[in-house]
Amino acid sequence: MTAWAISGTRRRILRAHVTVAGCALALCASTAAPVAAEGDTTVTKPTVVLVHGAFADGSSWDGVIPRLERSGYTVLAPANPLRGLYNDATYIASVLDSIKGPVVLVGHSYGGAVISSAAAGNPRVKSLVYVSALMPDVGESGMTLAARFPSELGTATRSVPYRESGRSGTDLYLKREKVHRVFAADLPESEANLLWATQRPAATTAFSEKAKVAAWKHIPSWALVGRQDKTINPDQERFQAKRAGSHTVEINSSHVSLIAHPTAVADLILQAAGAPSATQPSRTATGSAKDLRATAPVAGFAGASLAAGAGVVLLGRRLRRTRR
């Protein structure tokens, strides 16, 4: 073979090396891009808005809030007026209007009825979370649901007339001797007594006014059922969650699961917010879909490298045969 022929062959091998390297780099770049997008930290996390129920205030979320904040979420726990479903839902809707970006809306007890109305027609509410809560359908009220699924709450309240500027009505208070058994059985009795002393009464209209909308029909929902709940019948909580198609968990809790089991409540909220659960099992042994997606670019590049190597070997063999 002439020197020119050998030199030409070498030039072809060099071009082949450059082409293979270019293809490998292009393949690596094209497969790595989805991982960068998937790990993008610029995506705005939703604000979590926590709405308390009757006989309570925002401090009932004290155990839940720091768990959510540690996961990087902004959390608000506004005061629920407890003056009536229509009044309270209008007020919470105005709070939502003041928040920029997506929202995860959470309601405990009567707060569930409030968020079902307040979220209606608000496209920024991405998910609803019901914690031992009311989930009335259109035309239902807390009272009509309680008539279908009786609980011990009726024996645990007393009625007190109230007067406000321009109106009057009836408030419901929890009886001291009933708070521990009916409302907060899995808390120490001393803590249950504090709940009684600091309770905020709810007007009877909070339970008698019928829902005009039901946001859970259009917004994905999560629900927590307290198996030992004596304030809202657990069967009612299960019925509501099934009807709404909610992602549902059950725990052995009284009505105040947010106080007695804040980790379980926070974990459910994190699921609704799209964050990994704090109690998610280890993926070391089996991996996950995300793990597999993360290794795909490596596998793709390894495949390209093997193909490139095979191409170079074949070219080398052809050169040796030519030289002979």
Protein backbone atom coordinates (compact mmCIF):
# COMPACT_ATOMS: atom_id res chain seq x y z
CA MET A 1 0.00 0.00 0.00
CA THR A 2 1.34 3.50 -0.80
CA ALA A 3 2.14 6.08 1.87
CA TRP A 4 -0.67 8.21 0.47
CA ALA A 5 -3.17 5.37 0.93
CA ILE A 6 -2.04 4.78 4.52
CA SER A 7 -2.19 8.52 5.26
CA GLY A 8 -5.69 8.72 3.75
CA THR A 9 -6.82 5.81 5.87
CA ARG A 10 -5.48 7.48 8.98
CA ARG A 11 -7.36 10.64 8.08
CA ARG A 12 -10.55 8.59 7.78
CA ILE A 13 -9.90 7.03 11.21
CA LEU A 14 -9.34 10.51 12.70
CA ARG A 15 -12.61 11.72 11.17
CA ALA A 16 -14.34 8.63 12.56
CA HIS A 17 -12.98 9.40 16.06
CA VAL A 18 -14.24 12.99 15.83
CA THR A 19 -17.65 11.87 14.54
CA VAL A 20 -18.08 9.24 17.27
CA ALA A 21 -16.98 11.68 19.97
CA GLY A 22 -19.39 14.29 18.64
CA CYS A 23 -22.26 11.81 18.62
CA ALA A 24 -21.46 10.70 22.17
CA LEU A 25 -21.36 14.30 23.40
CA ALA A 26 -24.63 15.13 21.63
CA LEU A 27 -26.30 12.06 23.12
CA CYS A 28 -24.99 12.92 26.57
CA ALA A 29 -26.29 16.49 26.30
CA SER A 30 -29.70 15.41 25.03
CA THR A 31 -30.18 12.86 27.83
CA ALA A 32 -28.84 15.07 30.61
CA ALA A 33 -31.27 17.93 29.91
CA PRO A 34 -34.36 16.25 31.42
CA VAL A 35 -32.49 15.65 34.69
CA ALA A 36 -31.60 19.34 34.95
CA ALA A 37 -35.25 20.22 34.36
CA GLU A 38 -36.43 17.65 36.86
CA GLY A 39 -34.12 18.98 39.55
CA ASP A 40 -34.96 22.61 38.85
CA THR A 41 -35.25 24.41 42.18
CA THR A 42 -36.83 27.55 40.71
CA VAL A 43 -40.33 26.02 40.77
CA THR A 44 -42.48 27.93 43.25
CA LYS A 45 -43.63 25.88 46.22
CA PRO A 46 -47.25 26.41 47.20
CA THR A 47 -48.18 28.37 50.28
CA VAL A 48 -49.92 26.13 52.81
CA VAL A 49 -52.97 27.74 54.41
CA LEU A 50 -54.28 26.03 57.55
CA VAL A 51 -57.88 26.68 58.63
CA HIS A 52 -58.88 25.64 62.14
CA GLY A 53 -62.28 24.40 63.19
CA ALA A 54 -64.88 25.25 65.82
CA PHE A 55 -63.89 25.72 69.49
CA ALA A 56 -60.28 26.36 68.39
CA ASP A 57 -57.86 28.94 67.00
CA GLY A 58 -54.73 29.00 64.86
CA SER A 59 -52.56 27.69 67.70
CA SER A 60 -54.06 24.23 67.18
CA TRP A 61 -51.64 23.94 64.22
CA ASP A 62 -48.57 24.68 66.38
CA GLY A 63 -47.19 21.15 66.03
CA VAL A 64 -47.79 21.00 62.28
CA ILE A 65 -46.40 24.37 61.18
CA PRO A 66 -42.68 23.86 62.00
CA ARG A 67 -42.71 20.47 60.24
CA LEU A 68 -43.98 22.10 57.06
CA GLU A 69 -41.57 25.01 57.35
CA ARG A 70 -38.62 22.64 57.69
CA SER A 71 -39.62 21.26 54.28
CA GLY A 72 -39.37 24.74 52.80
CA TYR A 73 -43.03 25.79 52.75
CA THR A 74 -44.51 29.16 53.67
CA VAL A 75 -47.38 28.54 56.09
CA LEU A 76 -50.31 30.71 57.16
CA ALA A 77 -52.90 29.86 59.81
CA PRO A 78 -55.51 32.65 59.65
CA ALA A 79 -58.23 33.08 62.24
CA ASN A 80 -61.50 31.45 61.19
CA PRO A 81 -64.25 33.84 62.37
CA LEU A 82 -66.68 31.00 63.35
CA ARG A 83 -69.69 33.23 62.67
CA GLY A 84 -71.36 31.14 59.95
CA LEU A 85 -70.39 29.15 56.87
CA TYR A 86 -71.09 31.92 54.36
CA ASN A 87 -69.34 34.61 56.41
CA ASP A 88 -66.32 32.45 57.22
CA ALA A 89 -65.83 31.13 53.67
CA THR A 90 -65.97 34.68 52.30
CA TYR A 91 -63.33 35.78 54.78
CA ILE A 92 -60.95 32.86 54.06
CA ALA A 93 -61.42 33.44 50.31
CA SER A 94 -60.22 37.03 50.84
CA VAL A 95 -57.13 35.68 52.63
CA LEU A 96 -56.42 33.46 49.62
CA ASP A 97 -56.73 36.48 47.32
CA SER A 98 -53.85 38.12 49.19
CA ILE A 99 -51.45 35.23 48.46
CA LYS A 100 -49.33 35.07 45.32
CA GLY A 101 -48.77 31.74 43.61
CA PRO A 102 -50.24 28.27 44.23
CA VAL A 103 -51.96 27.30 47.47
CA VAL A 104 -52.56 24.09 49.39
CA LEU A 105 -55.66 24.64 51.52
CA VAL A 106 -56.12 22.59 54.70
CA GLY A 107 -59.14 22.42 56.97
CA HIS A 108 -59.70 20.73 60.32
CA SER A 109 -63.18 19.83 61.57
CA TYR A 110 -65.63 22.62 60.64
CA GLY A 111 -62.73 24.23 58.77
CA GLY A 112 -63.23 21.55 56.13
CA ALA A 113 -66.65 22.99 55.26
CA VAL A 114 -65.10 26.45 55.09
CA ILE A 115 -62.31 25.50 52.66
CA SER A 116 -64.78 23.60 50.44
CA SER A 117 -66.58 26.87 49.86
CA ALA A 118 -63.65 29.30 50.00
CA ALA A 119 -61.64 27.45 47.31
CA ALA A 120 -64.45 27.32 44.75
CA GLY A 121 -63.51 29.09 41.52
CA ASN A 122 -59.94 29.83 42.66
CA PRO A 123 -57.52 28.26 40.13
CA ARG A 124 -54.52 28.83 42.40
CA VAL A 125 -55.77 26.30 44.96
CA LYS A 126 -53.97 23.16 43.80
CA SER A 127 -55.11 20.72 46.48
CA LEU A 128 -57.40 20.42 49.48
CA VAL A 129 -56.60 18.55 52.69
CA TYR A 130 -59.32 17.52 55.14
CA VAL A 131 -58.18 16.63 58.67
CA SER A 132 -60.96 14.91 60.62
CA ALA A 133 -63.18 17.36 58.80
CA LEU A 134 -66.58 18.18 57.35
CA MET A 135 -66.86 17.86 53.56
CA PRO A 136 -70.44 18.88 52.73
CA ASP A 137 -71.87 18.54 49.25
CA VAL A 138 -74.06 21.23 47.74
CA GLY A 139 -77.24 21.45 49.84
CA GLU A 140 -75.68 19.75 52.87
CA SER A 141 -74.71 21.25 56.22
CA GLY A 142 -72.85 20.04 59.26
CA MET A 143 -76.19 19.32 60.90
CA THR A 144 -77.62 17.27 58.02
CA LEU A 145 -74.44 15.19 57.85
CA ALA A 146 -74.48 14.66 61.62
CA ALA A 147 -78.08 13.45 61.39
CA ARG A 148 -76.94 10.70 58.97
CA PHE A 149 -73.82 9.87 60.99
CA PRO A 150 -74.51 10.61 64.69
CA SER A 151 -71.63 11.35 67.07
CA GLU A 152 -71.31 12.36 70.71
CA LEU A 153 -70.82 16.06 69.93
CA GLY A 154 -74.49 16.83 70.58
CA THR A 155 -74.07 15.79 74.21
CA ALA A 156 -70.88 17.82 74.63
CA THR A 157 -72.05 21.37 73.80
CA ARG A 158 -74.09 24.07 75.50
CA SER A 159 -75.85 27.01 73.86
CA VAL A 160 -75.18 30.62 74.89
CA PRO A 161 -76.92 33.66 73.32
CA TYR A 162 -74.60 36.36 71.98
CA ARG A 163 -75.02 39.96 70.82
CA GLU A 164 -72.88 41.81 68.31
CA SER A 165 -73.27 45.18 66.69
CA GLY A 166 -76.32 44.87 64.47
CA ARG A 167 -77.01 41.18 65.10
CA SER A 168 -77.47 38.48 67.68
CA GLY A 169 -77.50 34.71 67.68
CA THR A 170 -76.47 31.58 69.55
CA ASP A 171 -72.99 30.32 70.23
CA LEU A 172 -72.02 26.74 70.97
CA TYR A 173 -69.43 25.98 73.65
CA LEU A 174 -67.88 22.67 74.66
CA LYS A 175 -68.76 21.49 78.17
CA ARG A 176 -65.74 21.18 80.41
CA GLU A 177 -66.60 17.68 81.59
CA LYS A 178 -66.92 16.46 77.98
CA VAL A 179 -63.85 17.97 76.33
CA HIS A 180 -61.45 15.17 77.22
CA ARG A 181 -63.70 12.26 76.31
CA VAL A 182 -65.44 13.62 73.22
CA PHE A 183 -62.95 16.10 71.77
CA ALA A 184 -59.40 15.24 72.85
CA ALA A 185 -59.22 11.75 74.35
CA ASP A 186 -55.60 11.12 73.31
CA LEU A 187 -54.29 14.27 75.01
CA PRO A 188 -53.49 14.55 78.72
CA GLU A 189 -56.52 15.71 80.67
CA SER A 190 -54.67 18.84 81.74
CA GLU A 191 -54.17 19.81 78.11
CA ALA A 192 -57.81 19.09 77.33
CA ASN A 193 -58.76 21.45 80.15
CA LEU A 194 -56.63 24.17 78.54
CA LEU A 195 -58.50 23.64 75.27
CA TRP A 196 -61.76 24.15 77.15
CA ALA A 197 -60.57 27.33 78.87
CA THR A 198 -59.25 28.91 75.64
CA GLN A 199 -61.96 27.72 73.26
CA ARG A 200 -63.55 30.04 70.73
CA PRO A 201 -67.28 29.33 70.38
CA ALA A 202 -68.91 28.76 67.02
CA ALA A 203 -72.23 30.28 66.04
CA THR A 204 -74.92 27.72 65.28
CA THR A 205 -75.04 29.07 61.72
CA ALA A 206 -71.62 27.50 61.17
CA PHE A 207 -73.36 24.14 61.24
CA SER A 208 -76.84 25.00 59.97
CA GLU A 209 -76.02 26.92 56.77
CA LYS A 210 -76.05 24.66 53.72
CA ALA A 211 -73.14 24.57 51.32
CA LYS A 212 -73.71 26.33 47.99
CA VAL A 213 -70.54 24.94 46.37
CA ALA A 214 -68.20 21.98 46.91
CA ALA A 215 -64.66 22.65 45.71
CA TRP A 216 -63.60 19.01 46.27
CA LYS A 217 -65.58 18.11 43.15
CA HIS A 218 -63.02 19.95 41.02
CA ILE A 219 -59.82 20.08 43.11
CA PRO A 220 -57.75 17.01 44.14
CA SER A 221 -58.20 16.22 47.81
CA TRP A 222 -56.55 14.33 50.65
CA ALA A 223 -58.33 13.21 53.82
CA LEU A 224 -57.31 12.01 57.26
CA VAL A 225 -59.75 9.83 59.22
CA GLY A 226 -59.43 9.59 63.01
CA ARG A 227 -60.61 6.12 63.96
CA GLN A 228 -61.34 7.19 67.57
CA ASP A 229 -63.05 10.46 66.66
CA LYS A 230 -66.15 11.05 68.79
CA THR A 231 -66.82 14.58 67.53
CA ILE A 232 -67.30 13.65 63.87
CA ASN A 233 -68.27 10.04 63.25
CA PRO A 234 -65.36 8.21 61.52
CA ASP A 235 -67.91 6.60 59.20
CA GLN A 236 -68.92 10.08 58.08
CA GLU A 237 -65.29 10.96 57.40
CA ARG A 238 -64.87 7.76 55.35
CA PHE A 239 -68.10 8.38 53.42
CA GLN A 240 -67.10 11.93 52.56
CA ALA A 241 -63.58 10.95 51.48
CA LYS A 242 -64.84 8.11 49.29
CA ARG A 243 -67.44 10.36 47.68
CA ALA A 244 -64.81 12.98 46.91
CA GLY A 245 -62.29 10.43 45.65
CA SER A 246 -59.81 11.69 48.23
CA HIS A 247 -56.42 10.12 48.91
CA THR A 248 -57.21 8.82 52.38
CA VAL A 249 -55.23 7.75 55.44
CA GLU A 250 -56.58 6.50 58.76
CA ILE A 251 -54.88 6.81 62.13
CA ASN A 252 -55.85 5.93 65.70
CA SER A 253 -56.69 9.42 66.85
CA SER A 254 -59.30 11.48 68.57
CA HIS A 255 -60.80 14.53 66.87
CA VAL A 256 -57.70 16.66 67.52
CA SER A 257 -55.31 14.66 65.34
CA LEU A 258 -53.49 17.88 64.38
CA ILE A 259 -52.47 18.30 68.06
CA ALA A 260 -52.02 14.67 69.10
CA HIS A 261 -50.40 13.44 65.85
CA PRO A 262 -48.83 16.45 64.11
CA THR A 263 -46.31 14.36 62.18
CA ALA A 264 -49.02 12.26 60.52
CA VAL A 265 -50.99 15.40 59.64
CA ALA A 266 -47.90 17.18 58.29
CA ASP A 267 -46.97 14.13 56.20
CA LEU A 268 -50.39 14.12 54.55
CA ILE A 269 -50.14 17.83 53.79
CA LEU A 270 -46.68 17.31 52.28
CA GLN A 271 -48.13 14.61 50.03
CA ALA A 272 -50.81 17.02 48.86
CA ALA A 273 -48.18 19.68 48.29
CA GLY A 274 -46.15 17.31 46.13
CA ALA A 275 -43.26 16.92 48.56
CA PRO A 276 -41.71 13.59 49.61
CA SER A 277 -43.22 12.26 52.83
CA ALA A 278 -41.05 12.58 55.91
CA THR A 279 -41.81 8.95 56.67
CA GLN A 280 -41.25 7.62 53.15
CA PRO A 281 -39.62 4.15 53.27
CA SER A 282 -36.01 3.77 52.24
CA ARG A 283 -35.45 3.28 48.51
CA THR A 284 -31.97 1.79 48.93
CA ALA A 285 -32.95 -1.76 48.06
CA THR A 286 -35.46 -1.31 45.27
CA GLY A 287 -34.99 2.24 43.99
CA SER A 288 -37.80 4.36 42.59
CA ALA A 289 -39.03 5.78 39.32
CA LYS A 290 -37.09 8.97 40.03
CA ASP A 291 -33.93 6.97 40.72
CA LEU A 292 -34.34 5.15 37.43
CA ARG A 293 -34.88 8.39 35.53
CA ALA A 294 -31.76 9.84 37.13
CA THR A 295 -29.60 6.92 35.95
CA ALA A 296 -31.00 6.95 32.40
CA PRO A 297 -28.50 9.56 31.07
CA VAL A 298 -25.60 7.53 32.49
CA ALA A 299 -26.89 4.38 30.83
CA GLY A 300 -27.43 6.26 27.56
CA PHE A 301 -23.91 7.66 27.60
CA ALA A 302 -22.47 4.25 28.48
CA GLY A 303 -24.33 2.77 25.51
CA ALA A 304 -22.99 5.49 23.24
CA SER A 305 -19.46 4.87 24.52
CA LEU A 306 -19.76 1.15 23.84
CA ALA A 307 -21.01 1.85 20.33
CA ALA A 308 -18.14 4.27 19.74
CA GLY A 309 -15.62 1.74 20.99
CA ALA A 310 -17.01 -0.95 18.73
CA GLY A 311 -16.79 1.40 15.75
CA VAL A 312 -13.16 2.23 16.44
CA VAL A 313 -12.27 -1.48 16.81
CA LEU A 314 -13.86 -2.29 13.45
CA LEU A 315 -12.02 0.56 11.73
CA GLY A 316 -8.75 -0.62 13.24
CA ARG A 317 -9.29 -4.14 11.96
CA ARG A 318 -10.03 -2.83 8.46
CA LEU A 319 -6.81 -0.80 8.55
CA ARG A 320 -4.73 -3.80 9.53
CA ARG A 321 -6.28 -5.85 6.72
CA THR A 322 -5.49 -3.03 4.26
CA ARG A 323 -1.90 -2.84 5.42
CA ARG A 324 -1.46 -6.56 4.83
